[in-house]
Amino acid sequence: MAEARPVGREITEEKLLKYFKITEEALKTLEVAVHEKSLLWVAAQDFLTMAKSYFEDAKYYYGKGDYVTAFAALNYAHGFIDAGVRLGVFRGEDDRLFAFG
């Protein structure tokens, strides 16, 4: 009997590019949902800055060929996006892009 091959233990370029596309589209389409005079405006800006920073980190690591760190950075970026939607500081309606859309 052949030994079972582990599934999903590799971060392929195809998978990485798929998540780059999803995260980039989410960043382009989300809207800040709170007024700039709201106390949550600062939180919204912080979440957006962190998401964009992690997205840029992901591109950097991808360029170096470090797919594991690039994928981790993409997940952090999208985590900030989804947390912002869940908190209500971002508006994201597309459930392909936002966990809580």
N, C-alpha and C. Protein backbone atom coordinates (compact mmCIF):
# COMPACT_ATOMS: atom_id res chain seq x y z
N MET A 1 0.85 -1.18 0.00
CA MET A 1 0.00 0.00 0.00
C MET A 1 0.90 1.24 0.00
N ALA A 2 0.56 2.18 -0.84
CA ALA A 2 1.35 3.41 -0.96
C ALA A 2 1.09 4.31 0.25
N GLU A 3 2.16 4.99 0.66
CA GLU A 3 2.05 5.90 1.79
C GLU A 3 1.29 7.17 1.35
N ALA A 4 0.39 7.63 2.18
CA ALA A 4 -0.39 8.83 1.86
C ALA A 4 0.53 10.05 1.85
N ARG A 5 0.36 10.86 0.83
CA ARG A 5 1.15 12.09 0.72
C ARG A 5 0.45 13.19 1.52
N PRO A 6 1.21 13.95 2.35
CA PRO A 6 0.60 15.03 3.12
C PRO A 6 -0.03 16.07 2.18
N VAL A 7 -1.19 16.55 2.56
CA VAL A 7 -1.91 17.52 1.75
C VAL A 7 -1.81 18.89 2.42
N GLY A 8 -1.59 19.91 1.62
CA GLY A 8 -1.62 21.26 2.14
C GLY A 8 -0.43 21.66 3.00
N ARG A 9 0.71 21.05 2.81
CA ARG A 9 1.88 21.39 3.61
C ARG A 9 2.84 22.32 2.88
N GLU A 10 2.43 22.78 1.75
CA GLU A 10 3.32 23.58 0.93
C GLU A 10 2.62 24.87 0.51
N ILE A 11 3.35 25.97 0.55
CA ILE A 11 2.81 27.23 0.07
C ILE A 11 3.32 27.40 -1.35
N THR A 12 2.45 27.13 -2.29
CA THR A 12 2.83 27.24 -3.69
C THR A 12 2.73 28.69 -4.15
N GLU A 13 3.39 28.99 -5.24
CA GLU A 13 3.29 30.34 -5.80
C GLU A 13 1.85 30.62 -6.22
N GLU A 14 1.17 29.60 -6.75
CA GLU A 14 -0.22 29.76 -7.16
C GLU A 14 -1.10 30.17 -5.97
N LYS A 15 -0.93 29.50 -4.84
CA LYS A 15 -1.71 29.83 -3.65
C LYS A 15 -1.37 31.23 -3.16
N LEU A 16 -0.09 31.55 -3.15
CA LEU A 16 0.34 32.86 -2.68
C LEU A 16 -0.23 33.97 -3.56
N LEU A 17 -0.17 33.81 -4.86
CA LEU A 17 -0.70 34.82 -5.77
C LEU A 17 -2.21 34.97 -5.63
N LYS A 18 -2.90 33.87 -5.35
CA LYS A 18 -4.35 33.92 -5.12
C LYS A 18 -4.66 34.83 -3.93
N TYR A 19 -3.91 34.66 -2.83
CA TYR A 19 -4.17 35.45 -1.64
C TYR A 19 -3.67 36.89 -1.77
N PHE A 20 -2.63 37.11 -2.56
CA PHE A 20 -2.24 38.49 -2.88
C PHE A 20 -3.40 39.21 -3.57
N LYS A 21 -4.01 38.55 -4.53
CA LYS A 21 -5.10 39.14 -5.30
C LYS A 21 -6.29 39.45 -4.40
N ILE A 22 -6.66 38.50 -3.54
CA ILE A 22 -7.80 38.70 -2.64
C ILE A 22 -7.54 39.86 -1.68
N THR A 23 -6.36 39.88 -1.08
CA THR A 23 -6.05 40.92 -0.10
C THR A 23 -5.95 42.29 -0.77
N GLU A 24 -5.34 42.34 -1.94
CA GLU A 24 -5.23 43.61 -2.65
C GLU A 24 -6.62 44.15 -3.01
N GLU A 25 -7.49 43.28 -3.48
CA GLU A 25 -8.85 43.70 -3.82
C GLU A 25 -9.61 44.17 -2.58
N ALA A 26 -9.42 43.46 -1.47
CA ALA A 26 -10.08 43.88 -0.22
C ALA A 26 -9.60 45.27 0.20
N LEU A 27 -8.30 45.51 0.11
CA LEU A 27 -7.77 46.83 0.49
C LEU A 27 -8.31 47.93 -0.42
N LYS A 28 -8.50 47.62 -1.68
CA LYS A 28 -9.00 48.63 -2.63
C LYS A 28 -10.48 48.91 -2.45
N THR A 29 -11.25 47.93 -1.99
CA THR A 29 -12.70 48.11 -1.95
C THR A 29 -13.26 48.44 -0.57
N LEU A 30 -12.51 48.20 0.49
CA LEU A 30 -13.07 48.51 1.81
C LEU A 30 -13.22 50.00 1.98
N GLU A 31 -14.16 50.37 2.81
CA GLU A 31 -14.41 51.77 3.12
C GLU A 31 -14.36 51.96 4.62
N VAL A 32 -13.80 53.06 5.06
CA VAL A 32 -13.85 53.39 6.49
C VAL A 32 -15.30 53.74 6.79
N ALA A 33 -15.86 53.11 7.81
CA ALA A 33 -17.30 53.21 8.09
C ALA A 33 -17.63 54.17 9.23
N VAL A 34 -16.61 54.80 9.79
CA VAL A 34 -16.86 55.71 10.91
C VAL A 34 -16.47 57.13 10.51
N HIS A 35 -17.15 58.08 11.10
CA HIS A 35 -16.88 59.49 10.84
C HIS A 35 -15.52 59.86 11.43
N GLU A 36 -14.85 60.81 10.79
CA GLU A 36 -13.52 61.17 11.28
C GLU A 36 -13.53 61.85 12.64
N LYS A 37 -14.68 62.27 13.12
CA LYS A 37 -14.77 62.83 14.47
C LYS A 37 -15.09 61.76 15.51
N SER A 38 -15.35 60.54 15.04
CA SER A 38 -15.65 59.43 15.95
C SER A 38 -14.38 59.02 16.69
N LEU A 39 -14.58 58.52 17.90
CA LEU A 39 -13.45 57.98 18.66
C LEU A 39 -12.84 56.76 17.98
N LEU A 40 -13.62 56.10 17.13
CA LEU A 40 -13.12 54.91 16.43
C LEU A 40 -12.34 55.24 15.16
N TRP A 41 -12.31 56.52 14.78
CA TRP A 41 -11.56 56.92 13.58
C TRP A 41 -10.09 56.52 13.70
N VAL A 42 -9.50 56.75 14.86
CA VAL A 42 -8.09 56.41 15.07
C VAL A 42 -7.89 54.90 14.94
N ALA A 43 -8.80 54.12 15.49
CA ALA A 43 -8.70 52.67 15.37
C ALA A 43 -8.79 52.25 13.91
N ALA A 44 -9.70 52.86 13.16
CA ALA A 44 -9.84 52.53 11.74
C ALA A 44 -8.55 52.84 11.00
N GLN A 45 -7.96 53.98 11.27
CA GLN A 45 -6.72 54.36 10.59
C GLN A 45 -5.57 53.43 10.99
N ASP A 46 -5.51 53.06 12.26
CA ASP A 46 -4.47 52.12 12.72
C ASP A 46 -4.63 50.76 12.05
N PHE A 47 -5.84 50.25 12.00
CA PHE A 47 -6.08 48.95 11.36
C PHE A 47 -5.70 49.01 9.87
N LEU A 48 -6.08 50.10 9.21
CA LEU A 48 -5.78 50.24 7.79
C LEU A 48 -4.26 50.34 7.56
N THR A 49 -3.59 51.10 8.40
CA THR A 49 -2.13 51.21 8.28
C THR A 49 -1.46 49.86 8.49
N MET A 50 -1.91 49.11 9.47
CA MET A 50 -1.32 47.80 9.73
C MET A 50 -1.58 46.84 8.57
N ALA A 51 -2.80 46.85 8.04
CA ALA A 51 -3.12 45.97 6.91
C ALA A 51 -2.25 46.30 5.71
N LYS A 52 -2.11 47.58 5.40
CA LYS A 52 -1.29 47.99 4.26
C LYS A 52 0.18 47.66 4.50
N SER A 53 0.65 47.86 5.72
CA SER A 53 2.06 47.57 6.04
C SER A 53 2.37 46.09 5.90
N TYR A 54 1.50 45.25 6.42
CA TYR A 54 1.71 43.80 6.28
C TYR A 54 1.61 43.36 4.82
N PHE A 55 0.74 44.01 4.05
CA PHE A 55 0.64 43.70 2.63
C PHE A 55 1.95 44.03 1.92
N GLU A 56 2.53 45.18 2.25
CA GLU A 56 3.82 45.57 1.67
C GLU A 56 4.93 44.61 2.12
N ASP A 57 4.88 44.19 3.38
CA ASP A 57 5.85 43.19 3.87
C ASP A 57 5.74 41.90 3.07
N ALA A 58 4.50 41.49 2.79
CA ALA A 58 4.28 40.26 2.02
C ALA A 58 4.92 40.37 0.64
N LYS A 59 4.76 41.53 0.00
CA LYS A 59 5.37 41.72 -1.32
C LYS A 59 6.89 41.65 -1.23
N TYR A 60 7.45 42.24 -0.19
CA TYR A 60 8.90 42.21 0.01
C TYR A 60 9.41 40.77 0.14
N TYR A 61 8.77 40.00 1.02
CA TYR A 61 9.22 38.63 1.23
C TYR A 61 8.97 37.74 0.01
N TYR A 62 7.89 38.01 -0.70
CA TYR A 62 7.64 37.27 -1.94
C TYR A 62 8.78 37.53 -2.93
N GLY A 63 9.18 38.77 -3.04
CA GLY A 63 10.27 39.14 -3.93
C GLY A 63 11.59 38.47 -3.57
N LYS A 64 11.77 38.17 -2.29
CA LYS A 64 12.98 37.47 -1.82
C LYS A 64 12.86 35.96 -1.96
N GLY A 65 11.67 35.49 -2.36
CA GLY A 65 11.46 34.05 -2.49
C GLY A 65 11.08 33.37 -1.19
N ASP A 66 10.78 34.15 -0.15
CA ASP A 66 10.40 33.60 1.15
C ASP A 66 8.88 33.51 1.21
N TYR A 67 8.35 32.43 0.64
CA TYR A 67 6.90 32.25 0.53
C TYR A 67 6.22 32.08 1.88
N VAL A 68 6.89 31.45 2.81
CA VAL A 68 6.29 31.22 4.13
C VAL A 68 6.04 32.54 4.84
N THR A 69 7.05 33.40 4.89
CA THR A 69 6.89 34.69 5.57
C THR A 69 5.93 35.59 4.79
N ALA A 70 5.97 35.53 3.47
CA ALA A 70 5.03 36.31 2.66
C ALA A 70 3.59 35.90 2.96
N PHE A 71 3.35 34.60 3.03
CA PHE A 71 2.00 34.10 3.31
C PHE A 71 1.56 34.50 4.72
N ALA A 72 2.48 34.44 5.67
CA ALA A 72 2.16 34.86 7.04
C ALA A 72 1.78 36.33 7.06
N ALA A 73 2.55 37.17 6.36
CA ALA A 73 2.26 38.60 6.33
C ALA A 73 0.90 38.87 5.67
N LEU A 74 0.58 38.13 4.62
CA LEU A 74 -0.74 38.28 3.99
C LEU A 74 -1.85 37.94 4.96
N ASN A 75 -1.64 36.90 5.75
CA ASN A 75 -2.67 36.52 6.73
C ASN A 75 -2.83 37.58 7.81
N TYR A 76 -1.74 38.18 8.25
CA TYR A 76 -1.85 39.28 9.21
C TYR A 76 -2.58 40.46 8.58
N ALA A 77 -2.23 40.80 7.33
CA ALA A 77 -2.90 41.91 6.65
C ALA A 77 -4.40 41.67 6.58
N HIS A 78 -4.77 40.48 6.16
CA HIS A 78 -6.20 40.19 6.04
C HIS A 78 -6.88 40.09 7.40
N GLY A 79 -6.13 39.68 8.40
CA GLY A 79 -6.67 39.65 9.76
C GLY A 79 -7.07 41.04 10.24
N PHE A 80 -6.23 42.04 9.96
CA PHE A 80 -6.58 43.41 10.33
C PHE A 80 -7.79 43.90 9.54
N ILE A 81 -7.87 43.53 8.28
CA ILE A 81 -9.03 43.91 7.47
C ILE A 81 -10.31 43.30 8.04
N ASP A 82 -10.29 42.01 8.29
CA ASP A 82 -11.48 41.33 8.81
C ASP A 82 -11.84 41.82 10.21
N ALA A 83 -10.84 42.08 11.03
CA ALA A 83 -11.12 42.60 12.37
C ALA A 83 -11.78 43.97 12.29
N GLY A 84 -11.33 44.80 11.34
CA GLY A 84 -11.93 46.12 11.17
C GLY A 84 -13.37 46.03 10.71
N VAL A 85 -13.66 45.08 9.84
CA VAL A 85 -15.05 44.87 9.39
C VAL A 85 -15.89 44.39 10.57
N ARG A 86 -15.37 43.44 11.32
CA ARG A 86 -16.11 42.88 12.46
C ARG A 86 -16.38 43.95 13.52
N LEU A 87 -15.39 44.81 13.75
CA LEU A 87 -15.52 45.88 14.73
C LEU A 87 -16.48 46.97 14.24
N GLY A 88 -16.66 47.05 12.93
CA GLY A 88 -17.56 48.03 12.37
C GLY A 88 -16.87 49.31 11.92
N VAL A 89 -15.54 49.34 11.92
CA VAL A 89 -14.83 50.53 11.48
C VAL A 89 -14.59 50.51 9.96
N PHE A 90 -14.70 49.33 9.35
CA PHE A 90 -14.63 49.19 7.90
C PHE A 90 -15.95 48.63 7.39
N ARG A 91 -16.28 49.03 6.18
CA ARG A 91 -17.43 48.46 5.50
C ARG A 91 -16.88 47.58 4.40
N GLY A 92 -17.24 46.33 4.43
CA GLY A 92 -16.85 45.38 3.40
C GLY A 92 -18.01 44.45 3.14
N GLU A 93 -18.58 44.53 1.98
CA GLU A 93 -19.82 43.79 1.69
C GLU A 93 -19.60 42.47 0.99
N ASP A 94 -18.47 42.28 0.34
CA ASP A 94 -18.22 41.12 -0.50
C ASP A 94 -17.68 39.96 0.34
N ASP A 95 -18.46 38.90 0.49
CA ASP A 95 -18.03 37.79 1.34
C ASP A 95 -16.90 36.97 0.73
N ARG A 96 -16.52 37.24 -0.52
CA ARG A 96 -15.32 36.61 -1.07
C ARG A 96 -14.06 37.27 -0.49
N LEU A 97 -14.20 38.53 -0.06
CA LEU A 97 -13.06 39.31 0.38
C LEU A 97 -13.02 39.53 1.88
N PHE A 98 -14.17 39.49 2.51
CA PHE A 98 -14.26 39.83 3.94
C PHE A 98 -14.97 38.72 4.69
N ALA A 99 -14.36 38.27 5.79
CA ALA A 99 -14.95 37.17 6.55
C ALA A 99 -16.29 37.56 7.16
N PHE A 100 -16.47 38.84 7.44
CA PHE A 100 -17.69 39.27 8.12
C PHE A 100 -18.51 40.22 7.26
N GLY A 101 -18.31 40.16 5.93
CA GLY A 101 -18.99 41.09 5.00
C GLY A 101 -20.47 40.83 4.93
